[in-house]
Every structure is written in structure tokens, then in C-alpha cells.
Amino acid sequence: MKYNYELARKLRKNQTPQERKMWNLLRNRQFHNLEFRRQFPMENYVADFLCKKEKIIIEIDGSQHNLEENILKDELRTKFFETKGYRIIRFWNNDIDNNIEGVFLELEKFIFNN
């Protein structure tokens, strides 16, 4: 099995502004005392944010995820993560930029009401 540790390290060093904002919400168990990891490698993929305890992956998507080839890649990523027992929630960059409170509430609903 190939794990993409180098890519994950590079992504952690070069976070987008939205990833930084989300990480500030999740880091140090600030979100319901849950431990999240950022840019976590899983075989050929890297999850933006992962919580092992709740089996949750949070993906942050920019406009490039609206392109057809990226939609297909995202579907494959999602299926792969689901085969590992994870549930995936996605947020758009503009939601994080303009409605971080709504993102917080949506994440709470997703984790605790599913």
C-alpha cells in the first residue's frame, strides 16, 4: 500500500485560507473535544480533515471541484473513504469564507444527528 506522506506534508505547509480557518475551528480538540488530523494520508488519497473516533472526513472544496473530471475524482475519493468506514462531509470555500457559523452548525448536525 502506498501512502502519500510527502504530499500530505506539503499540503499541511501550504494550506488554503479556508483550510487554515477550518483548522482553527478544529485544532486542539476545540470542536466538542474531538481530535482531528489535517491532511491525513490514506493510501493514494489525502483527507483534508479526519476524525478517527467519529469516522468523519471533512473535505474543503474550491471552484475546481465543479469541473467534470474533478467531480469524478471526488466521487472515487468518497467511495474509497467510505470503504474504510468513513462518512464524508464537504464544504465549499465560500461557505467557510462567508458563513463559518453555519459550517460549524452543519458539522455538528452531521456528526451528532446521523
N, C-alpha and C. Protein backbone atom coordinates (compact mmCIF):
# COMPACT_ATOMS: atom_id res chain seq x y z
N MET A 1 0.84 -1.19 0.00
CA MET A 1 0.00 0.00 0.00
C MET A 1 0.88 1.25 0.00
N LYS A 2 0.56 2.16 -0.85
CA LYS A 2 1.31 3.41 -0.94
C LYS A 2 0.58 4.51 -0.15
N TYR A 3 1.31 5.14 0.76
CA TYR A 3 0.74 6.26 1.48
C TYR A 3 1.45 7.52 1.03
N ASN A 4 0.70 8.57 0.86
CA ASN A 4 1.22 9.80 0.29
C ASN A 4 1.66 10.78 1.39
N TYR A 5 2.66 10.36 2.18
CA TYR A 5 3.12 11.18 3.30
C TYR A 5 3.74 12.50 2.84
N GLU A 6 4.53 12.44 1.78
CA GLU A 6 5.18 13.66 1.29
C GLU A 6 4.16 14.68 0.81
N LEU A 7 3.16 14.22 0.07
CA LEU A 7 2.11 15.13 -0.40
C LEU A 7 1.36 15.71 0.80
N ALA A 8 1.03 14.89 1.78
CA ALA A 8 0.31 15.37 2.96
C ALA A 8 1.12 16.45 3.68
N ARG A 9 2.42 16.22 3.83
CA ARG A 9 3.29 17.21 4.48
C ARG A 9 3.30 18.52 3.70
N LYS A 10 3.40 18.40 2.38
CA LYS A 10 3.41 19.59 1.53
C LYS A 10 2.08 20.35 1.64
N LEU A 11 0.97 19.63 1.66
CA LEU A 11 -0.34 20.27 1.78
C LEU A 11 -0.51 20.96 3.14
N ARG A 12 0.02 20.36 4.20
CA ARG A 12 -0.06 21.00 5.52
C ARG A 12 0.71 22.31 5.54
N LYS A 13 1.84 22.34 4.84
CA LYS A 13 2.66 23.56 4.80
C LYS A 13 2.05 24.64 3.92
N ASN A 14 1.20 24.26 2.98
CA ASN A 14 0.63 25.20 2.01
C ASN A 14 -0.89 25.21 2.05
N GLN A 15 -1.44 25.36 3.25
CA GLN A 15 -2.89 25.36 3.39
C GLN A 15 -3.53 26.55 2.69
N THR A 16 -4.73 26.34 2.19
CA THR A 16 -5.50 27.45 1.67
C THR A 16 -6.03 28.28 2.84
N PRO A 17 -6.44 29.52 2.59
CA PRO A 17 -7.01 30.32 3.69
C PRO A 17 -8.22 29.62 4.33
N GLN A 18 -9.00 28.93 3.53
CA GLN A 18 -10.18 28.24 4.06
C GLN A 18 -9.77 27.05 4.94
N GLU A 19 -8.74 26.33 4.52
CA GLU A 19 -8.24 25.23 5.35
C GLU A 19 -7.70 25.75 6.67
N ARG A 20 -6.99 26.88 6.64
CA ARG A 20 -6.49 27.48 7.89
C ARG A 20 -7.64 27.86 8.81
N LYS A 21 -8.67 28.46 8.23
CA LYS A 21 -9.84 28.88 9.03
C LYS A 21 -10.53 27.66 9.66
N MET A 22 -10.68 26.60 8.88
CA MET A 22 -11.31 25.38 9.39
C MET A 22 -10.42 24.72 10.45
N TRP A 23 -9.12 24.69 10.22
CA TRP A 23 -8.20 24.10 11.18
C TRP A 23 -8.24 24.86 12.50
N ASN A 24 -8.39 26.18 12.45
CA ASN A 24 -8.52 26.96 13.68
C ASN A 24 -9.77 26.58 14.47
N LEU A 25 -10.78 26.11 13.79
CA LEU A 25 -12.02 25.65 14.43
C LEU A 25 -11.83 24.26 15.06
N LEU A 26 -11.04 23.42 14.41
CA LEU A 26 -10.94 22.00 14.79
C LEU A 26 -9.75 21.66 15.69
N ARG A 27 -8.67 22.41 15.58
CA ARG A 27 -7.43 22.02 16.23
C ARG A 27 -7.53 22.01 17.75
N ASN A 28 -6.63 21.27 18.36
CA ASN A 28 -6.53 21.19 19.83
C ASN A 28 -7.84 20.78 20.50
N ARG A 29 -8.60 19.93 19.83
CA ARG A 29 -9.86 19.40 20.39
C ARG A 29 -10.86 20.50 20.74
N GLN A 30 -10.83 21.61 20.01
CA GLN A 30 -11.74 22.72 20.28
C GLN A 30 -13.17 22.41 19.86
N PHE A 31 -13.34 21.48 18.93
CA PHE A 31 -14.67 21.14 18.43
C PHE A 31 -15.15 19.89 19.17
N HIS A 32 -15.95 20.10 20.22
CA HIS A 32 -16.55 19.01 21.00
C HIS A 32 -15.52 18.01 21.51
N ASN A 33 -14.33 18.49 21.80
CA ASN A 33 -13.24 17.66 22.33
C ASN A 33 -12.87 16.49 21.40
N LEU A 34 -13.16 16.65 20.11
CA LEU A 34 -12.80 15.61 19.13
C LEU A 34 -11.42 15.91 18.54
N GLU A 35 -10.64 14.86 18.37
CA GLU A 35 -9.31 15.03 17.78
C GLU A 35 -9.40 14.90 16.27
N PHE A 36 -9.03 15.97 15.59
CA PHE A 36 -8.98 15.97 14.13
C PHE A 36 -7.53 16.02 13.68
N ARG A 37 -7.25 15.38 12.59
CA ARG A 37 -5.94 15.45 11.93
C ARG A 37 -6.15 16.17 10.61
N ARG A 38 -5.17 16.94 10.18
CA ARG A 38 -5.31 17.64 8.91
C ARG A 38 -4.38 17.03 7.88
N GLN A 39 -4.85 17.05 6.63
CA GLN A 39 -4.09 16.49 5.52
C GLN A 39 -3.55 15.11 5.90
N PHE A 40 -4.48 14.21 6.14
CA PHE A 40 -4.17 12.87 6.62
C PHE A 40 -4.10 11.89 5.44
N PRO A 41 -2.92 11.26 5.22
CA PRO A 41 -2.78 10.34 4.09
C PRO A 41 -3.47 9.00 4.34
N MET A 42 -4.20 8.55 3.34
CA MET A 42 -4.82 7.23 3.35
C MET A 42 -4.61 6.61 1.97
N GLU A 43 -3.68 5.71 1.91
CA GLU A 43 -3.28 5.08 0.65
C GLU A 43 -2.98 6.17 -0.39
N ASN A 44 -3.66 6.16 -1.54
CA ASN A 44 -3.35 7.12 -2.60
C ASN A 44 -3.99 8.49 -2.40
N TYR A 45 -4.76 8.66 -1.34
CA TYR A 45 -5.50 9.89 -1.11
C TYR A 45 -5.01 10.61 0.13
N VAL A 46 -5.39 11.88 0.23
CA VAL A 46 -5.12 12.67 1.42
C VAL A 46 -6.44 13.34 1.81
N ALA A 47 -6.92 13.02 3.02
CA ALA A 47 -8.15 13.62 3.54
C ALA A 47 -7.81 15.00 4.11
N ASP A 48 -8.64 16.00 3.80
CA ASP A 48 -8.39 17.34 4.33
C ASP A 48 -8.36 17.33 5.86
N PHE A 49 -9.43 16.82 6.48
CA PHE A 49 -9.52 16.73 7.93
C PHE A 49 -10.18 15.40 8.28
N LEU A 50 -9.63 14.72 9.28
CA LEU A 50 -10.12 13.38 9.62
C LEU A 50 -10.23 13.25 11.13
N CYS A 51 -11.34 12.68 11.56
CA CYS A 51 -11.55 12.35 12.97
C CYS A 51 -11.75 10.84 13.04
N LYS A 52 -10.75 10.14 13.60
CA LYS A 52 -10.81 8.68 13.67
C LYS A 52 -11.94 8.21 14.58
N LYS A 53 -12.11 8.89 15.71
CA LYS A 53 -13.11 8.45 16.69
C LYS A 53 -14.51 8.41 16.10
N GLU A 54 -14.89 9.46 15.39
CA GLU A 54 -16.23 9.54 14.82
C GLU A 54 -16.29 9.04 13.37
N LYS A 55 -15.12 8.64 12.82
CA LYS A 55 -15.03 8.15 11.44
C LYS A 55 -15.62 9.18 10.46
N ILE A 56 -15.12 10.41 10.60
CA ILE A 56 -15.59 11.54 9.80
C ILE A 56 -14.41 12.10 8.99
N ILE A 57 -14.68 12.43 7.75
CA ILE A 57 -13.73 13.17 6.92
C ILE A 57 -14.42 14.43 6.45
N ILE A 58 -13.73 15.56 6.62
CA ILE A 58 -14.22 16.85 6.15
C ILE A 58 -13.37 17.24 4.94
N GLU A 59 -14.03 17.52 3.84
CA GLU A 59 -13.34 17.96 2.63
C GLU A 59 -13.72 19.41 2.35
N ILE A 60 -12.74 20.21 2.00
CA ILE A 60 -12.94 21.62 1.67
C ILE A 60 -12.74 21.76 0.16
N ASP A 61 -13.76 22.24 -0.53
CA ASP A 61 -13.74 22.28 -1.99
C ASP A 61 -13.77 23.70 -2.53
N GLY A 62 -12.88 23.96 -3.48
CA GLY A 62 -12.89 25.21 -4.23
C GLY A 62 -13.61 25.00 -5.55
N SER A 63 -13.63 26.04 -6.37
CA SER A 63 -14.38 26.00 -7.63
C SER A 63 -13.88 24.92 -8.58
N GLN A 64 -12.61 24.51 -8.47
CA GLN A 64 -12.09 23.47 -9.36
C GLN A 64 -12.82 22.14 -9.18
N HIS A 65 -13.50 21.97 -8.06
CA HIS A 65 -14.25 20.74 -7.82
C HIS A 65 -15.56 20.70 -8.60
N ASN A 66 -15.90 21.79 -9.29
CA ASN A 66 -17.08 21.81 -10.16
C ASN A 66 -16.78 21.30 -11.56
N LEU A 67 -15.50 21.12 -11.88
CA LEU A 67 -15.12 20.62 -13.20
C LEU A 67 -15.43 19.13 -13.28
N GLU A 68 -15.91 18.71 -14.44
CA GLU A 68 -16.38 17.33 -14.59
C GLU A 68 -15.34 16.29 -14.18
N GLU A 69 -14.07 16.48 -14.61
CA GLU A 69 -13.06 15.48 -14.27
C GLU A 69 -12.79 15.44 -12.77
N ASN A 70 -12.94 16.58 -12.10
CA ASN A 70 -12.73 16.60 -10.66
C ASN A 70 -13.94 16.05 -9.91
N ILE A 71 -15.11 16.22 -10.46
CA ILE A 71 -16.31 15.62 -9.85
C ILE A 71 -16.14 14.11 -9.81
N LEU A 72 -15.67 13.54 -10.91
CA LEU A 72 -15.46 12.09 -10.98
C LEU A 72 -14.37 11.65 -10.00
N LYS A 73 -13.28 12.41 -9.91
CA LYS A 73 -12.21 12.09 -8.96
C LYS A 73 -12.72 12.15 -7.52
N ASP A 74 -13.54 13.17 -7.23
CA ASP A 74 -14.10 13.31 -5.88
C ASP A 74 -15.02 12.13 -5.55
N GLU A 75 -15.77 11.67 -6.53
CA GLU A 75 -16.65 10.51 -6.31
C GLU A 75 -15.82 9.27 -5.97
N LEU A 76 -14.70 9.08 -6.67
CA LEU A 76 -13.82 7.94 -6.39
C LEU A 76 -13.20 8.06 -5.00
N ARG A 77 -12.77 9.27 -4.63
CA ARG A 77 -12.22 9.51 -3.29
C ARG A 77 -13.25 9.18 -2.23
N THR A 78 -14.47 9.68 -2.44
CA THR A 78 -15.54 9.46 -1.47
C THR A 78 -15.81 7.97 -1.32
N LYS A 79 -15.91 7.25 -2.42
CA LYS A 79 -16.15 5.79 -2.35
C LYS A 79 -15.02 5.08 -1.62
N PHE A 80 -13.78 5.49 -1.89
CA PHE A 80 -12.65 4.89 -1.21
C PHE A 80 -12.76 5.12 0.30
N PHE A 81 -12.98 6.36 0.72
CA PHE A 81 -13.08 6.67 2.15
C PHE A 81 -14.24 5.90 2.78
N GLU A 82 -15.35 5.78 2.06
CA GLU A 82 -16.50 5.04 2.59
C GLU A 82 -16.17 3.56 2.77
N THR A 83 -15.35 3.00 1.88
CA THR A 83 -14.96 1.59 2.06
C THR A 83 -14.14 1.40 3.33
N LYS A 84 -13.53 2.47 3.80
CA LYS A 84 -12.76 2.42 5.05
C LYS A 84 -13.63 2.74 6.27
N GLY A 85 -14.93 2.94 6.04
CA GLY A 85 -15.86 3.17 7.14
C GLY A 85 -16.09 4.62 7.50
N TYR A 86 -15.60 5.54 6.68
CA TYR A 86 -15.73 6.97 6.98
C TYR A 86 -16.96 7.56 6.31
N ARG A 87 -17.53 8.55 7.00
CA ARG A 87 -18.57 9.39 6.41
C ARG A 87 -17.90 10.70 6.00
N ILE A 88 -18.32 11.24 4.87
CA ILE A 88 -17.67 12.42 4.31
C ILE A 88 -18.66 13.57 4.27
N ILE A 89 -18.19 14.73 4.71
CA ILE A 89 -18.96 15.96 4.57
C ILE A 89 -18.08 16.96 3.83
N ARG A 90 -18.69 17.69 2.90
CA ARG A 90 -17.95 18.65 2.07
C ARG A 90 -18.49 20.05 2.31
N PHE A 91 -17.56 20.99 2.34
CA PHE A 91 -17.93 22.40 2.43
C PHE A 91 -17.22 23.14 1.30
N TRP A 92 -17.90 24.12 0.75
CA TRP A 92 -17.31 24.97 -0.28
C TRP A 92 -16.51 26.07 0.38
N ASN A 93 -15.46 26.50 -0.30
CA ASN A 93 -14.64 27.61 0.20
C ASN A 93 -15.49 28.82 0.58
N ASN A 94 -16.45 29.18 -0.27
CA ASN A 94 -17.25 30.39 0.02
C ASN A 94 -18.11 30.22 1.27
N ASP A 95 -18.51 28.98 1.60
CA ASP A 95 -19.24 28.76 2.86
C ASP A 95 -18.34 29.04 4.06
N ILE A 96 -17.10 28.61 3.97
CA ILE A 96 -16.15 28.84 5.06
C ILE A 96 -15.82 30.33 5.15
N ASP A 97 -15.67 30.99 4.00
CA ASP A 97 -15.37 32.42 3.99
C ASP A 97 -16.52 33.26 4.54
N ASN A 98 -17.75 32.89 4.17
CA ASN A 98 -18.89 33.77 4.43
C ASN A 98 -19.85 33.29 5.51
N ASN A 99 -19.72 32.03 5.96
CA ASN A 99 -20.70 31.51 6.90
C ASN A 99 -20.07 30.44 7.79
N ILE A 100 -18.98 30.76 8.46
CA ILE A 100 -18.30 29.76 9.29
C ILE A 100 -19.20 29.26 10.41
N GLU A 101 -20.10 30.11 10.91
CA GLU A 101 -21.04 29.67 11.96
C GLU A 101 -21.97 28.59 11.41
N GLY A 102 -22.44 28.78 10.18
CA GLY A 102 -23.29 27.78 9.53
C GLY A 102 -22.54 26.49 9.29
N VAL A 103 -21.27 26.58 8.92
CA VAL A 103 -20.44 25.39 8.73
C VAL A 103 -20.32 24.64 10.05
N PHE A 104 -20.07 25.37 11.13
CA PHE A 104 -19.96 24.78 12.46
C PHE A 104 -21.25 24.02 12.81
N LEU A 105 -22.39 24.67 12.60
CA LEU A 105 -23.68 24.04 12.93
C LEU A 105 -23.96 22.83 12.05
N GLU A 106 -23.64 22.94 10.77
CA GLU A 106 -23.84 21.82 9.84
C GLU A 106 -22.96 20.63 10.23
N LEU A 107 -21.75 20.90 10.64
CA LEU A 107 -20.85 19.85 11.08
C LEU A 107 -21.36 19.17 12.35
N GLU A 108 -21.86 19.95 13.28
CA GLU A 108 -22.47 19.38 14.49
C GLU A 108 -23.62 18.45 14.14
N LYS A 109 -24.51 18.92 13.26
CA LYS A 109 -25.65 18.08 12.84
C LYS A 109 -25.17 16.81 12.19
N PHE A 110 -24.20 16.91 11.31
CA PHE A 110 -23.70 15.76 10.58
C PHE A 110 -23.11 14.71 11.52
N ILE A 111 -22.35 15.16 12.50
CA ILE A 111 -21.68 14.22 13.40
C ILE A 111 -22.63 13.64 14.43
N PHE A 112 -23.45 14.48 15.03
CA PHE A 112 -24.22 14.04 16.19
C PHE A 112 -25.66 13.66 15.91
N ASN A 113 -26.18 13.94 14.72
CA ASN A 113 -27.57 13.60 14.40
C ASN A 113 -27.67 12.54 13.31
N ASN A 114 -26.56 11.92 12.96
CA ASN A 114 -26.59 10.89 11.92
C ASN A 114 -26.70 9.52 12.52
